[in-house]
Amino acid sequence: ARRLVIPHPRGGDRLIDVSAPLPPHMQQ
């Protein structure tokens, strides 16, 4: 689950945009 972009619960134009690194077995 690489990336999630979602409006912040407090509203407005703020976004939560987060990416996860590869887990060890996938990085290998």
PDB file of all heavy atoms in Angstrom:
ATOM      1  N   ALA A   1       0.882  -1.168   0.000  1.00  0.00           N
ATOM      2  CA  ALA A   1       0.000   0.000   0.000  1.00  0.00           C
ATOM      3  C   ALA A   1       0.918   1.216   0.000  1.00  0.00           C
ATOM      4  O   ALA A   1       1.368   1.687   1.046  1.00  0.00           O
ATOM      5  CB  ALA A   1      -0.900  -0.006   1.229  1.00  0.00           C
ATOM      6  N   ARG A   2       1.234   1.685  -1.195  1.00  0.00           N
ATOM      7  CA  ARG A   2       2.311   2.644  -1.401  1.00  0.00           C
ATOM      8  C   ARG A   2       1.969   4.078  -0.990  1.00  0.00           C
ATOM      9  O   ARG A   2       2.737   4.740  -0.315  1.00  0.00           O
ATOM     10  CB  ARG A   2       2.716   2.620  -2.885  1.00  0.00           C
ATOM     11  CG  ARG A   2       3.590   3.755  -3.356  1.00  0.00           C
ATOM     12  CD  ARG A   2       4.945   3.781  -2.701  1.00  0.00           C
ATOM     13  NE  ARG A   2       5.782   4.860  -3.245  1.00  0.00           N
ATOM     14  CZ  ARG A   2       7.000   5.152  -2.825  1.00  0.00           C
ATOM     15  NH1 ARG A   2       7.526   4.456  -1.836  1.00  0.00           N
ATOM     16  NH2 ARG A   2       7.686   6.118  -3.365  1.00  0.00           N
ATOM     17  N   ARG A   3       0.778   4.558  -1.415  1.00  0.00           N
ATOM     18  CA  ARG A   3       0.491   5.979  -1.208  1.00  0.00           C
ATOM     19  C   ARG A   3      -0.989   6.188  -0.897  1.00  0.00           C
ATOM     20  O   ARG A   3      -1.851   5.479  -1.408  1.00  0.00           O
ATOM     21  CB  ARG A   3       0.869   6.770  -2.472  1.00  0.00           C
ATOM     22  CG  ARG A   3       0.723   8.282  -2.350  1.00  0.00           C
ATOM     23  CD  ARG A   3       1.078   8.958  -3.668  1.00  0.00           C
ATOM     24  NE  ARG A   3       0.903  10.413  -3.588  1.00  0.00           N
ATOM     25  CZ  ARG A   3       0.867  11.220  -4.662  1.00  0.00           C
ATOM     26  NH1 ARG A   3       1.022  10.697  -5.876  1.00  0.00           N
ATOM     27  NH2 ARG A   3       0.686  12.521  -4.518  1.00  0.00           N
ATOM     28  N   LEU A   4      -1.244   7.171  -0.039  1.00  0.00           N
ATOM     29  CA  LEU A   4      -2.611   7.562   0.274  1.00  0.00           C
ATOM     30  C   LEU A   4      -2.714   9.077   0.215  1.00  0.00           C
ATOM     31  O   LEU A   4      -1.904   9.784   0.822  1.00  0.00           O
ATOM     32  CB  LEU A   4      -3.010   7.078   1.676  1.00  0.00           C
ATOM     33  CG  LEU A   4      -4.392   7.520   2.175  1.00  0.00           C
ATOM     34  CD1 LEU A   4      -5.505   6.866   1.358  1.00  0.00           C
ATOM     35  CD2 LEU A   4      -4.564   7.196   3.662  1.00  0.00           C
ATOM     36  N   VAL A   5      -3.704   9.551  -0.541  1.00  0.00           N
ATOM     37  CA  VAL A   5      -4.000  10.988  -0.590  1.00  0.00           C
ATOM     38  C   VAL A   5      -5.472  11.139  -0.211  1.00  0.00           C
ATOM     39  O   VAL A   5      -6.354  10.582  -0.873  1.00  0.00           O
ATOM     40  CB  VAL A   5      -3.762  11.580  -1.991  1.00  0.00           C
ATOM     41  CG1 VAL A   5      -4.022  13.087  -1.976  1.00  0.00           C
ATOM     42  CG2 VAL A   5      -2.336  11.287  -2.475  1.00  0.00           C
ATOM     43  N   ILE A   6      -5.730  11.888   0.851  1.00  0.00           N
ATOM     44  CA  ILE A   6      -7.093  12.004   1.354  1.00  0.00           C
ATOM     45  C   ILE A   6      -7.292  13.375   1.985  1.00  0.00           C
ATOM     46  O   ILE A   6      -6.370  13.914   2.607  1.00  0.00           O
ATOM     47  CB  ILE A   6      -7.371  10.874   2.383  1.00  0.00           C
ATOM     48  CG1 ILE A   6      -8.845  10.831   2.775  1.00  0.00           C
ATOM     49  CG2 ILE A   6      -6.487  11.012   3.610  1.00  0.00           C
ATOM     50  CD1 ILE A   6      -9.212   9.595   3.589  1.00  0.00           C
ATOM     51  N   PRO A   7      -8.482  13.976   1.810  1.00  0.00           N
ATOM     52  CA  PRO A   7      -8.733  15.265   2.464  1.00  0.00           C
ATOM     53  C   PRO A   7      -8.609  15.132   3.980  1.00  0.00           C
ATOM     54  O   PRO A   7      -9.027  14.135   4.571  1.00  0.00           O
ATOM     55  CB  PRO A   7     -10.182  15.582   2.054  1.00  0.00           C
ATOM     56  CG  PRO A   7     -10.406  14.820   0.792  1.00  0.00           C
ATOM     57  CD  PRO A   7      -9.608  13.559   0.950  1.00  0.00           C
ATOM     58  N   HIS A   8      -8.043  16.155   4.592  1.00  0.00           N
ATOM     59  CA  HIS A   8      -7.898  16.130   6.046  1.00  0.00           C
ATOM     60  C   HIS A   8      -9.275  16.226   6.694  1.00  0.00           C
ATOM     61  O   HIS A   8     -10.169  16.930   6.196  1.00  0.00           O
ATOM     62  CB  HIS A   8      -7.022  17.300   6.510  1.00  0.00           C
ATOM     63  CG  HIS A   8      -6.518  17.150   7.903  1.00  0.00           C
ATOM     64  ND1 HIS A   8      -7.286  17.469   9.011  1.00  0.00           N
ATOM     65  CD2 HIS A   8      -5.332  16.682   8.394  1.00  0.00           C
ATOM     66  CE1 HIS A   8      -6.596  17.222  10.103  1.00  0.00           C
ATOM     67  NE2 HIS A   8      -5.408  16.741   9.770  1.00  0.00           N
ATOM     68  N   PRO A   9      -9.507  15.516   7.806  1.00  0.00           N
ATOM     69  CA  PRO A   9     -10.836  15.542   8.430  1.00  0.00           C
ATOM     70  C   PRO A   9     -11.279  16.915   8.910  1.00  0.00           C
ATOM     71  O   PRO A   9     -12.476  17.142   9.124  1.00  0.00           O
ATOM     72  CB  PRO A   9     -10.695  14.551   9.591  1.00  0.00           C
ATOM     73  CG  PRO A   9      -9.230  14.425   9.846  1.00  0.00           C
ATOM     74  CD  PRO A   9      -8.594  14.587   8.511  1.00  0.00           C
ATOM     75  N   ARG A  10     -10.360  17.842   9.064  1.00  0.00           N
ATOM     76  CA  ARG A  10     -10.746  19.190   9.502  1.00  0.00           C
ATOM     77  C   ARG A  10     -11.215  20.061   8.340  1.00  0.00           C
ATOM     78  O   ARG A  10     -11.613  21.214   8.543  1.00  0.00           O
ATOM     79  CB  ARG A  10      -9.605  19.864  10.259  1.00  0.00           C
ATOM     80  CG  ARG A  10      -9.363  19.244  11.621  1.00  0.00           C
ATOM     81  CD  ARG A  10      -8.434  20.053  12.485  1.00  0.00           C
ATOM     82  NE  ARG A  10      -8.319  19.437  13.803  1.00  0.00           N
ATOM     83  CZ  ARG A  10      -9.082  19.742  14.846  1.00  0.00           C
ATOM     84  NH1 ARG A  10     -10.027  20.652  14.721  1.00  0.00           N
ATOM     85  NH2 ARG A  10      -8.913  19.130  15.997  1.00  0.00           N
ATOM     86  N   GLY A  11     -11.159  19.514   7.117  1.00  0.00           N
ATOM     87  CA  GLY A  11     -11.713  20.220   5.970  1.00  0.00           C
ATOM     88  C   GLY A  11     -10.754  21.239   5.376  1.00  0.00           C
ATOM     89  O   GLY A  11      -9.542  21.204   5.597  1.00  0.00           O
ATOM     90  N   GLY A  12     -11.339  22.159   4.591  1.00  0.00           N
ATOM     91  CA  GLY A  12     -10.517  23.125   3.878  1.00  0.00           C
ATOM     92  C   GLY A  12      -9.807  22.462   2.703  1.00  0.00           C
ATOM     93  O   GLY A  12     -10.235  21.420   2.194  1.00  0.00           O
ATOM     94  N   ASP A  13      -8.712  23.071   2.279  1.00  0.00           N
ATOM     95  CA  ASP A  13      -7.951  22.534   1.149  1.00  0.00           C
ATOM     96  C   ASP A  13      -6.823  21.601   1.597  1.00  0.00           C
ATOM     97  O   ASP A  13      -6.043  21.129   0.776  1.00  0.00           O
ATOM     98  CB  ASP A  13      -7.345  23.690   0.325  1.00  0.00           C
ATOM     99  CG  ASP A  13      -8.419  24.574  -0.293  1.00  0.00           C
ATOM    100  OD1 ASP A  13      -9.500  24.024  -0.602  1.00  0.00           O
ATOM    101  OD2 ASP A  13      -8.194  25.789  -0.442  1.00  0.00           O
ATOM    102  N   ARG A  14      -6.753  21.352   2.883  1.00  0.00           N
ATOM    103  CA  ARG A  14      -5.648  20.554   3.406  1.00  0.00           C
ATOM    104  C   ARG A  14      -5.780  19.085   3.020  1.00  0.00           C
ATOM    105  O   ARG A  14      -6.864  18.504   3.121  1.00  0.00           O
ATOM    106  CB  ARG A  14      -5.604  20.691   4.924  1.00  0.00           C
ATOM    107  CG  ARG A  14      -4.411  20.036   5.589  1.00  0.00           C
ATOM    108  CD  ARG A  14      -4.444  20.318   7.083  1.00  0.00           C
ATOM    109  NE  ARG A  14      -3.410  19.586   7.789  1.00  0.00           N
ATOM    110  CZ  ARG A  14      -3.304  19.534   9.110  1.00  0.00           C
ATOM    111  NH1 ARG A  14      -4.182  20.187   9.852  1.00  0.00           N
ATOM    112  NH2 ARG A  14      -2.345  18.841   9.683  1.00  0.00           N
ATOM    113  N   LEU A  15      -4.683  18.489   2.569  1.00  0.00           N
ATOM    114  CA  LEU A  15      -4.657  17.083   2.189  1.00  0.00           C
ATOM    115  C   LEU A  15      -3.628  16.330   3.026  1.00  0.00           C
ATOM    116  O   LEU A  15      -2.600  16.880   3.414  1.00  0.00           O
ATOM    117  CB  LEU A  15      -4.284  16.919   0.712  1.00  0.00           C
ATOM    118  CG  LEU A  15      -5.294  17.345  -0.347  1.00  0.00           C
ATOM    119  CD1 LEU A  15      -4.662  17.228  -1.726  1.00  0.00           C
ATOM    120  CD2 LEU A  15      -6.558  16.515  -0.278  1.00  0.00           C
ATOM    121  N   ILE A  16      -3.923  15.084   3.291  1.00  0.00           N
ATOM    122  CA  ILE A  16      -2.929  14.162   3.840  1.00  0.00           C
ATOM    123  C   ILE A  16      -2.381  13.381   2.648  1.00  0.00           C
ATOM    124  O   ILE A  16      -3.138  12.719   1.937  1.00  0.00           O
ATOM    125  CB  ILE A  16      -3.566  13.202   4.862  1.00  0.00           C
ATOM    126  CG1 ILE A  16      -4.159  13.985   6.025  1.00  0.00           C
ATOM    127  CG2 ILE A  16      -2.545  12.181   5.361  1.00  0.00           C
ATOM    128  CD1 ILE A  16      -5.034  13.144   6.944  1.00  0.00           C
ATOM    129  N   ASP A  17      -1.110  13.465   2.400  1.00  0.00           N
ATOM    130  CA  ASP A  17      -0.488  12.791   1.257  1.00  0.00           C
ATOM    131  C   ASP A  17       0.772  12.094   1.772  1.00  0.00           C
ATOM    132  O   ASP A  17       1.783  12.739   2.033  1.00  0.00           O
ATOM    133  CB  ASP A  17      -0.138  13.808   0.168  1.00  0.00           C
ATOM    134  CG  ASP A  17       0.374  13.159  -1.120  1.00  0.00           C
ATOM    135  OD1 ASP A  17       0.707  11.958  -1.093  1.00  0.00           O
ATOM    136  OD2 ASP A  17       0.444  13.855  -2.146  1.00  0.00           O
ATOM    137  N   VAL A  18       0.691  10.780   1.927  1.00  0.00           N
ATOM    138  CA  VAL A  18       1.770  10.024   2.558  1.00  0.00           C
ATOM    139  C   VAL A  18       2.149   8.831   1.679  1.00  0.00           C
ATOM    140  O   VAL A  18       1.279   8.172   1.108  1.00  0.00           O
ATOM    141  CB  VAL A  18       1.357   9.522   3.953  1.00  0.00           C
ATOM    142  CG1 VAL A  18       2.539   8.857   4.652  1.00  0.00           C
ATOM    143  CG2 VAL A  18       0.821  10.667   4.800  1.00  0.00           C
ATOM    144  N   SER A  19       3.451   8.554   1.593  1.00  0.00           N
ATOM    145  CA  SER A  19       3.952   7.394   0.858  1.00  0.00           C
ATOM    146  C   SER A  19       4.747   6.498   1.796  1.00  0.00           C
ATOM    147  O   SER A  19       5.436   6.986   2.695  1.00  0.00           O
ATOM    148  CB  SER A  19       4.834   7.818  -0.308  1.00  0.00           C
ATOM    149  OG  SER A  19       4.089   8.540  -1.270  1.00  0.00           O
ATOM    150  N   ALA A  20       4.644   5.188   1.564  1.00  0.00           N
ATOM    151  CA  ALA A  20       5.369   4.205   2.382  1.00  0.00           C
ATOM    152  C   ALA A  20       6.539   3.641   1.586  1.00  0.00           C
ATOM    153  O   ALA A  20       6.431   3.423   0.378  1.00  0.00           O
ATOM    154  CB  ALA A  20       4.438   3.069   2.799  1.00  0.00           C
ATOM    155  N   PRO A  21       7.667   3.369   2.241  1.00  0.00           N
ATOM    156  CA  PRO A  21       8.806   2.761   1.547  1.00  0.00           C
ATOM    157  C   PRO A  21       8.554   1.283   1.275  1.00  0.00           C
ATOM    158  O   PRO A  21       7.651   0.674   1.862  1.00  0.00           O
ATOM    159  CB  PRO A  21       9.947   2.952   2.549  1.00  0.00           C
ATOM    160  CG  PRO A  21       9.257   2.917   3.887  1.00  0.00           C
ATOM    161  CD  PRO A  21       7.935   3.607   3.679  1.00  0.00           C
ATOM    162  N   LEU A  22       9.331   0.700   0.393  1.00  0.00           N
ATOM    163  CA  LEU A  22       9.235  -0.729   0.137  1.00  0.00           C
ATOM    164  C   LEU A  22       9.575  -1.509   1.402  1.00  0.00           C
ATOM    165  O   LEU A  22      10.531  -1.167   2.109  1.00  0.00           O
ATOM    166  CB  LEU A  22      10.195  -1.138  -0.979  1.00  0.00           C
ATOM    167  CG  LEU A  22       9.854  -0.666  -2.394  1.00  0.00           C
ATOM    168  CD1 LEU A  22      11.084  -0.803  -3.289  1.00  0.00           C
ATOM    169  CD2 LEU A  22       8.686  -1.448  -2.968  1.00  0.00           C
ATOM    170  N   PRO A  23       8.839  -2.578   1.692  1.00  0.00           N
ATOM    171  CA  PRO A  23       9.213  -3.438   2.820  1.00  0.00           C
ATOM    172  C   PRO A  23      10.498  -4.192   2.464  1.00  0.00           C
ATOM    173  O   PRO A  23      10.858  -4.302   1.278  1.00  0.00           O
ATOM    174  CB  PRO A  23       8.020  -4.379   2.956  1.00  0.00           C
ATOM    175  CG  PRO A  23       7.448  -4.453   1.588  1.00  0.00           C
ATOM    176  CD  PRO A  23       7.636  -3.079   1.001  1.00  0.00           C
ATOM    177  N   PRO A  24      11.197  -4.727   3.441  1.00  0.00           N
ATOM    178  CA  PRO A  24      12.495  -5.364   3.172  1.00  0.00           C
ATOM    179  C   PRO A  24      12.480  -6.417   2.062  1.00  0.00           C
ATOM    180  O   PRO A  24      13.378  -6.442   1.211  1.00  0.00           O
ATOM    181  CB  PRO A  24      12.871  -5.968   4.527  1.00  0.00           C
ATOM    182  CG  PRO A  24      12.213  -5.071   5.524  1.00  0.00           C
ATOM    183  CD  PRO A  24      10.917  -4.671   4.894  1.00  0.00           C
ATOM    184  N   HIS A  25      11.470  -7.293   2.031  1.00  0.00           N
ATOM    185  CA  HIS A  25      11.484  -8.350   1.015  1.00  0.00           C
ATOM    186  C   HIS A  25      11.248  -7.797  -0.385  1.00  0.00           C
ATOM    187  O   HIS A  25      11.812  -8.309  -1.361  1.00  0.00           O
ATOM    188  CB  HIS A  25      10.467  -9.449   1.347  1.00  0.00           C
ATOM    189  CG  HIS A  25       9.036  -9.046   1.213  1.00  0.00           C
ATOM    190  ND1 HIS A  25       8.388  -8.279   2.153  1.00  0.00           N
ATOM    191  CD2 HIS A  25       8.101  -9.309   0.239  1.00  0.00           C
ATOM    192  CE1 HIS A  25       7.126  -8.098   1.784  1.00  0.00           C
ATOM    193  NE2 HIS A  25       6.932  -8.699   0.622  1.00  0.00           N
ATOM    194  N   MET A  26      10.464  -6.714  -0.505  1.00  0.00           N
ATOM    195  CA  MET A  26      10.261  -6.102  -1.817  1.00  0.00           C
ATOM    196  C   MET A  26      11.465  -5.256  -2.215  1.00  0.00           C
ATOM    197  O   MET A  26      11.847  -5.215  -3.393  1.00  0.00           O
ATOM    198  CB  MET A  26       8.978  -5.268  -1.822  1.00  0.00           C
ATOM    199  CG  MET A  26       7.715  -6.119  -1.797  1.00  0.00           C
ATOM    200  SD  MET A  26       6.160  -5.163  -1.841  1.00  0.00           S
ATOM    201  CE  MET A  26       6.208  -4.497  -3.524  1.00  0.00           C
ATOM    202  N   GLN A  27      12.093  -4.598  -1.241  1.00  0.00           N
ATOM    203  CA  GLN A  27      13.305  -3.838  -1.550  1.00  0.00           C
ATOM    204  C   GLN A  27      14.390  -4.771  -2.081  1.00  0.00           C
ATOM    205  O   GLN A  27      15.117  -4.425  -3.028  1.00  0.00           O
ATOM    206  CB  GLN A  27      13.801  -3.109  -0.302  1.00  0.00           C
ATOM    207  CG  GLN A  27      15.021  -2.218  -0.545  1.00  0.00           C
ATOM    208  CD  GLN A  27      14.737  -1.089  -1.512  1.00  0.00           C
ATOM    209  OE1 GLN A  27      13.943  -0.195  -1.220  1.00  0.00           O
ATOM    210  NE2 GLN A  27      15.361  -1.118  -2.691  1.00  0.00           N
ATOM    211  N   GLN A  28      14.489  -5.957  -1.495  1.00  0.00           N
ATOM    212  CA  GLN A  28      15.453  -6.952  -1.963  1.00  0.00           C
ATOM    213  C   GLN A  28      15.159  -7.331  -3.416  1.00  0.00           C
ATOM    214  O   GLN A  28      16.070  -7.407  -4.249  1.00  0.00           O
ATOM    215  CB  GLN A  28      15.403  -8.187  -1.076  1.00  0.00           C
ATOM    216  CG  GLN A  28      16.349  -9.310  -1.504  1.00  0.00           C
ATOM    217  CD  GLN A  28      16.267 -10.515  -0.574  1.00  0.00           C
ATOM    218  OE1 GLN A  28      15.991 -10.364   0.614  1.00  0.00           O
ATOM    219  NE2 GLN A  28      16.505 -11.693  -1.107  1.00  0.00           N
TER     220      GLN A  28
END
